[in-house]
Amino acid sequence: RRGFPNLRYYEDMGRSSFRALSDHRLARRYELSPIFETLSQHFE
């Protein structure tokens, strides 16, 4: 109705963000890398 981002946009943003996070040093420090990796692969 209004031309706002669709579900694919949010999927792409979420997937790419989690992919970048999965190899971040703070993700490894907080033991979140495996979670971020899974969410990047299986966001949908």
ModelCIF file with pLDDT and N, C-alpha, C, O atoms, coordinates in Angstrom:
data_MODEL
#
_entry.id   MODEL 
#
_entity.id                         1 
_entity.type                       polymer 
_entity.pdbx_number_of_molecules   1 
#
_entity_poly.entity_id                      1 
_entity_poly.type                           'polypeptide(L)' 
_entity_poly.nstd_linkage                   no 
_entity_poly.nstd_monomer                   no 
_entity_poly.pdbx_seq_one_letter_code       RRGFPNLRYYEDMGRSSFRALSDHRLARRYELSPIFETLSQHFE 
_entity_poly.pdbx_seq_one_letter_code_can   RRGFPNLRYYEDMGRSSFRALSDHRLARRYELSPIFETLSQHFE 
_entity_poly.pdbx_strand_id                 A 
#
loop_
_entity_poly_seq.entity_id 
_entity_poly_seq.num 
_entity_poly_seq.mon_id 
_entity_poly_seq.hetero 
1 1  ARG n 
1 2  ARG n 
1 3  GLY n 
1 4  PHE n 
1 5  PRO n 
1 6  ASN n 
1 7  LEU n 
1 8  ARG n 
1 9  TYR n 
1 10 TYR n 
1 11 GLU n 
1 12 ASP n 
1 13 MET n 
1 14 GLY n 
1 15 ARG n 
1 16 SER n 
1 17 SER n 
1 18 PHE n 
1 19 ARG n 
1 20 ALA n 
1 21 LEU n 
1 22 SER n 
1 23 ASP n 
1 24 HIS n 
1 25 ARG n 
1 26 LEU n 
1 27 ALA n 
1 28 ARG n 
1 29 ARG n 
1 30 TYR n 
1 31 GLU n 
1 32 LEU n 
1 33 SER n 
1 34 PRO n 
1 35 ILE n 
1 36 PHE n 
1 37 GLU n 
1 38 THR n 
1 39 LEU n 
1 40 SER n 
1 41 GLN n 
1 42 HIS n 
1 43 PHE n 
1 44 GLU n 
#
_struct_asym.id          A 
_struct_asym.entity_id   1 
#
loop_
_ma_qa_metric.id 
_ma_qa_metric.mode 
_ma_qa_metric.name 
_ma_qa_metric.software_group_id 
_ma_qa_metric.type 
1 global pLDDT . pLDDT 
2 local  pLDDT . pLDDT 
#
_ma_qa_metric_global.metric_id      1 
_ma_qa_metric_global.metric_value   95.59 
_ma_qa_metric_global.model_id       1 
_ma_qa_metric_global.ordinal_id     1 
#
loop_
_ma_qa_metric_local.label_asym_id 
_ma_qa_metric_local.label_comp_id 
_ma_qa_metric_local.label_seq_id 
_ma_qa_metric_local.metric_id 
_ma_qa_metric_local.metric_value 
_ma_qa_metric_local.model_id 
_ma_qa_metric_local.ordinal_id 
A ARG 1  2 84.00 1 1  
A ARG 2  2 79.00 1 2  
A GLY 3  2 82.00 1 3  
A PHE 4  2 89.00 1 4  
A PRO 5  2 91.00 1 5  
A ASN 6  2 94.00 1 6  
A LEU 7  2 95.00 1 7  
A ARG 8  2 96.00 1 8  
A TYR 9  2 96.00 1 9  
A TYR 10 2 96.00 1 10 
A GLU 11 2 97.00 1 11 
A ASP 12 2 97.00 1 12 
A MET 13 2 97.00 1 13 
A GLY 14 2 98.00 1 14 
A ARG 15 2 98.00 1 15 
A SER 16 2 97.00 1 16 
A SER 17 2 97.00 1 17 
A PHE 18 2 98.00 1 18 
A ARG 19 2 98.00 1 19 
A ALA 20 2 97.00 1 20 
A LEU 21 2 97.00 1 21 
A SER 22 2 96.00 1 22 
A ASP 23 2 94.00 1 23 
A HIS 24 2 96.00 1 24 
A ARG 25 2 96.00 1 25 
A LEU 26 2 97.00 1 26 
A ALA 27 2 97.00 1 27 
A ARG 28 2 96.00 1 28 
A ARG 29 2 96.00 1 29 
A TYR 30 2 96.00 1 30 
A GLU 31 2 96.00 1 31 
A LEU 32 2 98.00 1 32 
A SER 33 2 98.00 1 33 
A PRO 34 2 98.00 1 34 
A ILE 35 2 98.00 1 35 
A PHE 36 2 98.00 1 36 
A GLU 37 2 98.00 1 37 
A THR 38 2 98.00 1 38 
A LEU 39 2 98.00 1 39 
A SER 40 2 98.00 1 40 
A GLN 41 2 98.00 1 41 
A HIS 42 2 98.00 1 42 
A PHE 43 2 98.00 1 43 
A GLU 44 2 97.00 1 44 
#
loop_
_atom_site.group_PDB 
_atom_site.id 
_atom_site.type_symbol 
_atom_site.label_atom_id 
_atom_site.label_alt_id 
_atom_site.label_comp_id 
_atom_site.label_asym_id 
_atom_site.label_entity_id 
_atom_site.label_seq_id 
_atom_site.pdbx_PDB_ins_code 
_atom_site.Cartn_x 
_atom_site.Cartn_y 
_atom_site.Cartn_z 
_atom_site.occupancy 
_atom_site.B_iso_or_equiv 
_atom_site.pdbx_formal_charge 
_atom_site.auth_seq_id 
_atom_site.auth_comp_id 
_atom_site.auth_asym_id 
_atom_site.auth_atom_id 
_atom_site.pdbx_PDB_model_num 
ATOM 1   N N  . ARG A 1 1  ? 0.803  -1.218  0.000  1.00 84.00 ? 1  ARG A N  1 
ATOM 2   C CA . ARG A 1 1  ? 0.000  0.000   0.000  1.00 84.00 ? 1  ARG A CA 1 
ATOM 3   C C  . ARG A 1 1  ? 0.839  1.272   0.000  1.00 84.00 ? 1  ARG A C  1 
ATOM 4   O O  . ARG A 1 1  ? 0.408  2.303   -0.518 1.00 84.00 ? 1  ARG A O  1 
ATOM 5   N N  . ARG A 1 2  ? 2.023  1.205   0.573  1.00 79.00 ? 2  ARG A N  1 
ATOM 6   C CA . ARG A 1 2  ? 2.781  2.438   0.753  1.00 79.00 ? 2  ARG A CA 1 
ATOM 7   C C  . ARG A 1 2  ? 4.179  2.410   0.143  1.00 79.00 ? 2  ARG A C  1 
ATOM 8   O O  . ARG A 1 2  ? 4.902  3.405   0.207  1.00 79.00 ? 2  ARG A O  1 
ATOM 9   N N  . GLY A 1 3  ? 4.561  1.296   -0.440 1.00 82.00 ? 3  GLY A N  1 
ATOM 10  C CA . GLY A 1 3  ? 5.875  1.224   -1.063 1.00 82.00 ? 3  GLY A CA 1 
ATOM 11  C C  . GLY A 1 3  ? 7.025  1.044   -0.098 1.00 82.00 ? 3  GLY A C  1 
ATOM 12  O O  . GLY A 1 3  ? 8.169  1.337   -0.447 1.00 82.00 ? 3  GLY A O  1 
ATOM 13  N N  . PHE A 1 4  ? 6.753  0.565   1.117  1.00 89.00 ? 4  PHE A N  1 
ATOM 14  C CA . PHE A 1 4  ? 7.811  0.311   2.097  1.00 89.00 ? 4  PHE A CA 1 
ATOM 15  C C  . PHE A 1 4  ? 8.536  -0.993  1.751  1.00 89.00 ? 4  PHE A C  1 
ATOM 16  O O  . PHE A 1 4  ? 8.064  -1.753  0.905  1.00 89.00 ? 4  PHE A O  1 
ATOM 17  N N  . PRO A 1 5  ? 9.682  -1.259  2.397  1.00 91.00 ? 5  PRO A N  1 
ATOM 18  C CA . PRO A 1 5  ? 10.418 -2.497  2.118  1.00 91.00 ? 5  PRO A CA 1 
ATOM 19  C C  . PRO A 1 5  ? 9.559  -3.739  2.354  1.00 91.00 ? 5  PRO A C  1 
ATOM 20  O O  . PRO A 1 5  ? 8.725  -3.771  3.258  1.00 91.00 ? 5  PRO A O  1 
ATOM 21  N N  . ASN A 1 6  ? 9.781  -4.772  1.513  1.00 94.00 ? 6  ASN A N  1 
ATOM 22  C CA . ASN A 1 6  ? 9.023  -6.006  1.640  1.00 94.00 ? 6  ASN A CA 1 
ATOM 23  C C  . ASN A 1 6  ? 9.782  -7.030  2.474  1.00 94.00 ? 6  ASN A C  1 
ATOM 24  O O  . ASN A 1 6  ? 10.862 -6.746  2.992  1.00 94.00 ? 6  ASN A O  1 
ATOM 25  N N  . LEU A 1 7  ? 9.206  -8.228  2.601  1.00 95.00 ? 7  LEU A N  1 
ATOM 26  C CA . LEU A 1 7  ? 9.824  -9.265  3.423  1.00 95.00 ? 7  LEU A CA 1 
ATOM 27  C C  . LEU A 1 7  ? 11.197 -9.662  2.900  1.00 95.00 ? 7  LEU A C  1 
ATOM 28  O O  . LEU A 1 7  ? 12.101 -9.942  3.687  1.00 95.00 ? 7  LEU A O  1 
ATOM 29  N N  . ARG A 1 8  ? 11.362 -9.690  1.583  1.00 96.00 ? 8  ARG A N  1 
ATOM 30  C CA . ARG A 1 8  ? 12.667 -10.046 1.027  1.00 96.00 ? 8  ARG A CA 1 
ATOM 31  C C  . ARG A 1 8  ? 13.746 -9.063  1.471  1.00 96.00 ? 8  ARG A C  1 
ATOM 32  O O  . ARG A 1 8  ? 14.884 -9.458  1.721  1.00 96.00 ? 8  ARG A O  1 
ATOM 33  N N  . TYR A 1 9  ? 13.395 -7.801  1.567  1.00 96.00 ? 9  TYR A N  1 
ATOM 34  C CA . TYR A 1 9  ? 14.342 -6.785  2.026  1.00 96.00 ? 9  TYR A CA 1 
ATOM 35  C C  . TYR A 1 9  ? 14.821 -7.118  3.442  1.00 96.00 ? 9  TYR A C  1 
ATOM 36  O O  . TYR A 1 9  ? 16.021 -7.096  3.717  1.00 96.00 ? 9  TYR A O  1 
ATOM 37  N N  . TYR A 1 10 ? 13.876 -7.426  4.338  1.00 96.00 ? 10 TYR A N  1 
ATOM 38  C CA . TYR A 1 10 ? 14.259 -7.733  5.718  1.00 96.00 ? 10 TYR A CA 1 
ATOM 39  C C  . TYR A 1 10 ? 15.055 -9.031  5.799  1.00 96.00 ? 10 TYR A C  1 
ATOM 40  O O  . TYR A 1 10 ? 15.986 -9.144  6.597  1.00 96.00 ? 10 TYR A O  1 
ATOM 41  N N  . GLU A 1 11 ? 14.691 -10.004 4.977  1.00 97.00 ? 11 GLU A N  1 
ATOM 42  C CA . GLU A 1 11 ? 15.468 -11.241 4.945  1.00 97.00 ? 11 GLU A CA 1 
ATOM 43  C C  . GLU A 1 11 ? 16.904 -10.969 4.499  1.00 97.00 ? 11 GLU A C  1 
ATOM 44  O O  . GLU A 1 11 ? 17.851 -11.468 5.107  1.00 97.00 ? 11 GLU A O  1 
ATOM 45  N N  . ASP A 1 12 ? 17.061 -10.186 3.448  1.00 97.00 ? 12 ASP A N  1 
ATOM 46  C CA . ASP A 1 12 ? 18.402 -9.885  2.932  1.00 97.00 ? 12 ASP A CA 1 
ATOM 47  C C  . ASP A 1 12 ? 19.224 -9.098  3.957  1.00 97.00 ? 12 ASP A C  1 
ATOM 48  O O  . ASP A 1 12 ? 20.408 -9.368  4.157  1.00 97.00 ? 12 ASP A O  1 
ATOM 49  N N  . MET A 1 13 ? 18.575 -8.120  4.602  1.00 97.00 ? 13 MET A N  1 
ATOM 50  C CA . MET A 1 13 ? 19.283 -7.326  5.603  1.00 97.00 ? 13 MET A CA 1 
ATOM 51  C C  . MET A 1 13 ? 19.688 -8.183  6.792  1.00 97.00 ? 13 MET A C  1 
ATOM 52  O O  . MET A 1 13 ? 20.816 -8.087  7.277  1.00 97.00 ? 13 MET A O  1 
ATOM 53  N N  . GLY A 1 14 ? 18.775 -9.014  7.257  1.00 98.00 ? 14 GLY A N  1 
ATOM 54  C CA . GLY A 1 14 ? 19.080 -9.870  8.396  1.00 98.00 ? 14 GLY A CA 1 
ATOM 55  C C  . GLY A 1 14 ? 20.155 -10.886 8.077  1.00 98.00 ? 14 GLY A C  1 
ATOM 56  O O  . GLY A 1 14 ? 21.092 -11.082 8.850  1.00 98.00 ? 14 GLY A O  1 
ATOM 57  N N  . ARG A 1 15 ? 20.011 -11.534 6.926  1.00 98.00 ? 15 ARG A N  1 
ATOM 58  C CA . ARG A 1 15 ? 20.967 -12.571 6.539  1.00 98.00 ? 15 ARG A CA 1 
ATOM 59  C C  . ARG A 1 15 ? 22.376 -12.000 6.383  1.00 98.00 ? 15 ARG A C  1 
ATOM 60  O O  . ARG A 1 15 ? 23.341 -12.578 6.883  1.00 98.00 ? 15 ARG A O  1 
ATOM 61  N N  . SER A 1 16 ? 22.493 -10.875 5.697  1.00 97.00 ? 16 SER A N  1 
ATOM 62  C CA . SER A 1 16 ? 23.817 -10.287 5.463  1.00 97.00 ? 16 SER A CA 1 
ATOM 63  C C  . SER A 1 16 ? 24.436 -9.774  6.760  1.00 97.00 ? 16 SER A C  1 
ATOM 64  O O  . SER A 1 16 ? 25.648 -9.870  6.950  1.00 97.00 ? 16 SER A O  1 
ATOM 65  N N  . SER A 1 17 ? 23.617 -9.233  7.646  1.00 97.00 ? 17 SER A N  1 
ATOM 66  C CA . SER A 1 17 ? 24.129 -8.737  8.928  1.00 97.00 ? 17 SER A CA 1 
ATOM 67  C C  . SER A 1 17 ? 24.660 -9.881  9.787  1.00 97.00 ? 17 SER A C  1 
ATOM 68  O O  . SER A 1 17 ? 25.743 -9.778  10.363 1.00 97.00 ? 17 SER A O  1 
ATOM 69  N N  . PHE A 1 18 ? 23.902 -10.963 9.873  1.00 98.00 ? 18 PHE A N  1 
ATOM 70  C CA . PHE A 1 18 ? 24.353 -12.109 10.668 1.00 98.00 ? 18 PHE A CA 1 
ATOM 71  C C  . PHE A 1 18 ? 25.582 -12.762 10.046 1.00 98.00 ? 18 PHE A C  1 
ATOM 72  O O  . PHE A 1 18 ? 26.441 -13.277 10.762 1.00 98.00 ? 18 PHE A O  1 
ATOM 73  N N  . ARG A 1 19 ? 25.670 -12.743 8.721  1.00 98.00 ? 19 ARG A N  1 
ATOM 74  C CA . ARG A 1 19 ? 26.851 -13.307 8.072  1.00 98.00 ? 19 ARG A CA 1 
ATOM 75  C C  . ARG A 1 19 ? 28.103 -12.508 8.432  1.00 98.00 ? 19 ARG A C  1 
ATOM 76  O O  . ARG A 1 19 ? 29.152 -13.081 8.726  1.00 98.00 ? 19 ARG A O  1 
ATOM 77  N N  . ALA A 1 20 ? 27.980 -11.180 8.407  1.00 97.00 ? 20 ALA A N  1 
ATOM 78  C CA . ALA A 1 20 ? 29.117 -10.334 8.771  1.00 97.00 ? 20 ALA A CA 1 
ATOM 79  C C  . ALA A 1 20 ? 29.474 -10.495 10.244 1.00 97.00 ? 20 ALA A C  1 
ATOM 80  O O  . ALA A 1 20 ? 30.648 -10.459 10.615 1.00 97.00 ? 20 ALA A O  1 
ATOM 81  N N  . LEU A 1 21 ? 28.467 -10.670 11.069 1.00 97.00 ? 21 LEU A N  1 
ATOM 82  C CA . LEU A 1 21 ? 28.710 -10.812 12.505 1.00 97.00 ? 21 LEU A CA 1 
ATOM 83  C C  . LEU A 1 21 ? 29.379 -12.135 12.863 1.00 97.00 ? 21 LEU A C  1 
ATOM 84  O O  . LEU A 1 21 ? 30.134 -12.206 13.833 1.00 97.00 ? 21 LEU A O  1 
ATOM 85  N N  . SER A 1 22 ? 29.111 -13.171 12.097 1.00 96.00 ? 22 SER A N  1 
ATOM 86  C CA . SER A 1 22 ? 29.557 -14.509 12.476 1.00 96.00 ? 22 SER A CA 1 
ATOM 87  C C  . SER A 1 22 ? 31.074 -14.611 12.595 1.00 96.00 ? 22 SER A C  1 
ATOM 88  O O  . SER A 1 22 ? 31.583 -15.456 13.332 1.00 96.00 ? 22 SER A O  1 
ATOM 89  N N  . ASP A 1 23 ? 31.799 -13.754 11.873 1.00 94.00 ? 23 ASP A N  1 
ATOM 90  C CA . ASP A 1 23 ? 33.258 -13.810 11.915 1.00 94.00 ? 23 ASP A CA 1 
ATOM 91  C C  . ASP A 1 23 ? 33.854 -12.623 12.685 1.00 94.00 ? 23 ASP A C  1 
ATOM 92  O O  . ASP A 1 23 ? 35.065 -12.402 12.653 1.00 94.00 ? 23 ASP A O  1 
ATOM 93  N N  . HIS A 1 24 ? 33.005 -11.872 13.369 1.00 96.00 ? 24 HIS A N  1 
ATOM 94  C CA . HIS A 1 24 ? 33.485 -10.720 14.124 1.00 96.00 ? 24 HIS A CA 1 
ATOM 95  C C  . HIS A 1 24 ? 34.137 -11.197 15.426 1.00 96.00 ? 24 HIS A C  1 
ATOM 96  O O  . HIS A 1 24 ? 33.685 -12.161 16.043 1.00 96.00 ? 24 HIS A O  1 
ATOM 97  N N  . ARG A 1 25 ? 35.203 -10.506 15.828 1.00 96.00 ? 25 ARG A N  1 
ATOM 98  C CA . ARG A 1 25 ? 35.938 -10.930 17.025 1.00 96.00 ? 25 ARG A CA 1 
ATOM 99  C C  . ARG A 1 25 ? 35.058 -10.888 18.276 1.00 96.00 ? 25 ARG A C  1 
ATOM 100 O O  . ARG A 1 25 ? 35.224 -11.713 19.175 1.00 96.00 ? 25 ARG A O  1 
ATOM 101 N N  . LEU A 1 26 ? 34.125 -9.935  18.342 1.00 97.00 ? 26 LEU A N  1 
ATOM 102 C CA . LEU A 1 26 ? 33.261 -9.849  19.514 1.00 97.00 ? 26 LEU A CA 1 
ATOM 103 C C  . LEU A 1 26 ? 32.244 -10.984 19.528 1.00 97.00 ? 26 LEU A C  1 
ATOM 104 O O  . LEU A 1 26 ? 31.834 -11.433 20.599 1.00 97.00 ? 26 LEU A O  1 
ATOM 105 N N  . ALA A 1 27 ? 31.840 -11.446 18.368 1.00 97.00 ? 27 ALA A N  1 
ATOM 106 C CA . ALA A 1 27 ? 30.950 -12.610 18.316 1.00 97.00 ? 27 ALA A CA 1 
ATOM 107 C C  . ALA A 1 27 ? 31.670 -13.838 18.863 1.00 97.00 ? 27 ALA A C  1 
ATOM 108 O O  . ALA A 1 27 ? 31.077 -14.641 19.583 1.00 97.00 ? 27 ALA A O  1 
ATOM 109 N N  . ARG A 1 28 ? 32.933 -13.978 18.525 1.00 96.00 ? 28 ARG A N  1 
ATOM 110 C CA . ARG A 1 28 ? 33.715 -15.105 19.074 1.00 96.00 ? 28 ARG A CA 1 
ATOM 111 C C  . ARG A 1 28 ? 33.905 -14.932 20.572 1.00 96.00 ? 28 ARG A C  1 
ATOM 112 O O  . ARG A 1 28 ? 33.818 -15.900 21.328 1.00 96.00 ? 28 ARG A O  1 
ATOM 113 N N  . ARG A 1 29 ? 34.161 -13.711 21.001 1.00 96.00 ? 29 ARG A N  1 
ATOM 114 C CA . ARG A 1 29 ? 34.354 -13.451 22.436 1.00 96.00 ? 29 ARG A CA 1 
ATOM 115 C C  . ARG A 1 29 ? 33.097 -13.773 23.227 1.00 96.00 ? 29 ARG A C  1 
ATOM 116 O O  . ARG A 1 29 ? 33.186 -14.349 24.312 1.00 96.00 ? 29 ARG A O  1 
ATOM 117 N N  . TYR A 1 30 ? 31.937 -13.419 22.712 1.00 96.00 ? 30 TYR A N  1 
ATOM 118 C CA . TYR A 1 30 ? 30.676 -13.659 23.411 1.00 96.00 ? 30 TYR A CA 1 
ATOM 119 C C  . TYR A 1 30 ? 30.077 -15.032 23.088 1.00 96.00 ? 30 TYR A C  1 
ATOM 120 O O  . TYR A 1 30 ? 28.969 -15.345 23.524 1.00 96.00 ? 30 TYR A O  1 
ATOM 121 N N  . GLU A 1 31 ? 30.804 -15.842 22.331 1.00 96.00 ? 31 GLU A N  1 
ATOM 122 C CA . GLU A 1 31 ? 30.370 -17.191 21.959 1.00 96.00 ? 31 GLU A CA 1 
ATOM 123 C C  . GLU A 1 31 ? 29.056 -17.159 21.179 1.00 96.00 ? 31 GLU A C  1 
ATOM 124 O O  . GLU A 1 31 ? 28.174 -17.992 21.384 1.00 96.00 ? 31 GLU A O  1 
ATOM 125 N N  . LEU A 1 32 ? 28.946 -16.187 20.288 1.00 98.00 ? 32 LEU A N  1 
ATOM 126 C CA . LEU A 1 32 ? 27.746 -16.028 19.471 1.00 98.00 ? 32 LEU A CA 1 
ATOM 127 C C  . LEU A 1 32 ? 27.975 -16.397 18.006 1.00 98.00 ? 32 LEU A C  1 
ATOM 128 O O  . LEU A 1 32 ? 27.026 -16.419 17.222 1.00 98.00 ? 32 LEU A O  1 
ATOM 129 N N  . SER A 1 33 ? 29.210 -16.684 17.631 1.00 98.00 ? 33 SER A N  1 
ATOM 130 C CA . SER A 1 33 ? 29.519 -16.962 16.225 1.00 98.00 ? 33 SER A CA 1 
ATOM 131 C C  . SER A 1 33 ? 28.688 -18.096 15.636 1.00 98.00 ? 33 SER A C  1 
ATOM 132 O O  . SER A 1 33 ? 28.158 -17.943 14.536 1.00 98.00 ? 33 SER A O  1 
ATOM 133 N N  . PRO A 1 34 ? 28.552 -19.246 16.337 1.00 98.00 ? 34 PRO A N  1 
ATOM 134 C CA . PRO A 1 34 ? 27.744 -20.332 15.751 1.00 98.00 ? 34 PRO A CA 1 
ATOM 135 C C  . PRO A 1 34 ? 26.286 -19.939 15.552 1.00 98.00 ? 34 PRO A C  1 
ATOM 136 O O  . PRO A 1 34 ? 25.661 -20.347 14.573 1.00 98.00 ? 34 PRO A O  1 
ATOM 137 N N  . ILE A 1 35 ? 25.740 -19.147 16.476 1.00 98.00 ? 35 ILE A N  1 
ATOM 138 C CA . ILE A 1 35 ? 24.350 -18.701 16.363 1.00 98.00 ? 35 ILE A CA 1 
ATOM 139 C C  . ILE A 1 35 ? 24.192 -17.780 15.163 1.00 98.00 ? 35 ILE A C  1 
ATOM 140 O O  . ILE A 1 35 ? 23.263 -17.940 14.371 1.00 98.00 ? 35 ILE A O  1 
ATOM 141 N N  . PHE A 1 36 ? 25.096 -16.819 15.028 1.00 98.00 ? 36 PHE A N  1 
ATOM 142 C CA . PHE A 1 36 ? 25.020 -15.890 13.896 1.00 98.00 ? 36 PHE A CA 1 
ATOM 143 C C  . PHE A 1 36 ? 25.210 -16.618 12.569 1.00 98.00 ? 36 PHE A C  1 
ATOM 144 O O  . PHE A 1 36 ? 24.566 -16.285 11.575 1.00 98.00 ? 36 PHE A O  1 
ATOM 145 N N  . GLU A 1 37 ? 26.084 -17.597 12.558 1.00 98.00 ? 37 GLU A N  1 
ATOM 146 C CA . GLU A 1 37 ? 26.308 -18.363 11.332 1.00 98.00 ? 37 GLU A CA 1 
ATOM 147 C C  . GLU A 1 37 ? 25.040 -19.118 10.933 1.00 98.00 ? 37 GLU A C  1 
ATOM 148 O O  . GLU A 1 37 ? 24.671 -19.147 9.759  1.00 98.00 ? 37 GLU A O  1 
ATOM 149 N N  . THR A 1 38 ? 24.378 -19.726 11.916 1.00 98.00 ? 38 THR A N  1 
ATOM 150 C CA . THR A 1 38 ? 23.142 -20.454 11.629 1.00 98.00 ? 38 THR A CA 1 
ATOM 151 C C  . THR A 1 38 ? 22.056 -19.511 11.131 1.00 98.00 ? 38 THR A C  1 
ATOM 152 O O  . THR A 1 38 ? 21.343 -19.836 10.182 1.00 98.00 ? 38 THR A O  1 
ATOM 153 N N  . LEU A 1 39 ? 21.922 -18.358 11.756 1.00 98.00 ? 39 LEU A N  1 
ATOM 154 C CA . LEU A 1 39 ? 20.905 -17.400 11.332 1.00 98.00 ? 39 LEU A CA 1 
ATOM 155 C C  . LEU A 1 39 ? 21.208 -16.831 9.953  1.00 98.00 ? 39 LEU A C  1 
ATOM 156 O O  . LEU A 1 39 ? 20.284 -16.513 9.204  1.00 98.00 ? 39 LEU A O  1 
ATOM 157 N N  . SER A 1 40 ? 22.471 -16.699 9.607  1.00 98.00 ? 40 SER A N  1 
ATOM 158 C CA . SER A 1 40 ? 22.807 -16.216 8.264  1.00 98.00 ? 40 SER A CA 1 
ATOM 159 C C  . SER A 1 40 ? 22.437 -17.258 7.205  1.00 98.00 ? 40 SER A C  1 
ATOM 160 O O  . SER A 1 40 ? 22.032 -16.907 6.097  1.00 98.00 ? 40 SER A O  1 
ATOM 161 N N  . GLN A 1 41 ? 22.577 -18.532 7.550  1.00 98.00 ? 41 GLN A N  1 
ATOM 162 C CA . GLN A 1 41 ? 22.289 -19.599 6.599  1.00 98.00 ? 41 GLN A CA 1 
ATOM 163 C C  . GLN A 1 41 ? 20.800 -19.943 6.543  1.00 98.00 ? 41 GLN A C  1 
ATOM 164 O O  . GLN A 1 41 ? 20.291 -20.355 5.501  1.00 98.00 ? 41 GLN A O  1 
ATOM 165 N N  . HIS A 1 42 ? 20.111 -19.773 7.658  1.00 98.00 ? 42 HIS A N  1 
ATOM 166 C CA . HIS A 1 42 ? 18.719 -20.228 7.751  1.00 98.00 ? 42 HIS A CA 1 
ATOM 167 C C  . HIS A 1 42 ? 17.791 -19.116 8.228  1.00 98.00 ? 42 HIS A C  1 
ATOM 168 O O  . HIS A 1 42 ? 16.852 -19.365 8.985  1.00 98.00 ? 42 HIS A O  1 
ATOM 169 N N  . PHE A 1 43 ? 18.055 -17.903 7.788  1.00 98.00 ? 43 PHE A N  1 
ATOM 170 C CA . PHE A 1 43 ? 17.227 -16.777 8.237  1.00 98.00 ? 43 PHE A CA 1 
ATOM 171 C C  . PHE A 1 43 ? 15.763 -16.984 7.842  1.00 98.00 ? 43 PHE A C  1 
ATOM 172 O O  . PHE A 1 43 ? 14.866 -16.804 8.666  1.00 98.00 ? 43 PHE A O  1 
ATOM 173 N N  . GLU A 1 44 ? 15.525 -17.357 6.602  1.00 97.00 ? 44 GLU A N  1 
ATOM 174 C CA . GLU A 1 44 ? 14.140 -17.526 6.155  1.00 97.00 ? 44 GLU A CA 1 
ATOM 175 C C  . GLU A 1 44 ? 13.439 -18.628 6.941  1.00 97.00 ? 44 GLU A C  1 
ATOM 176 O O  . GLU A 1 44 ? 12.265 -18.908 6.699  1.00 97.00 ? 44 GLU A O  1 
#
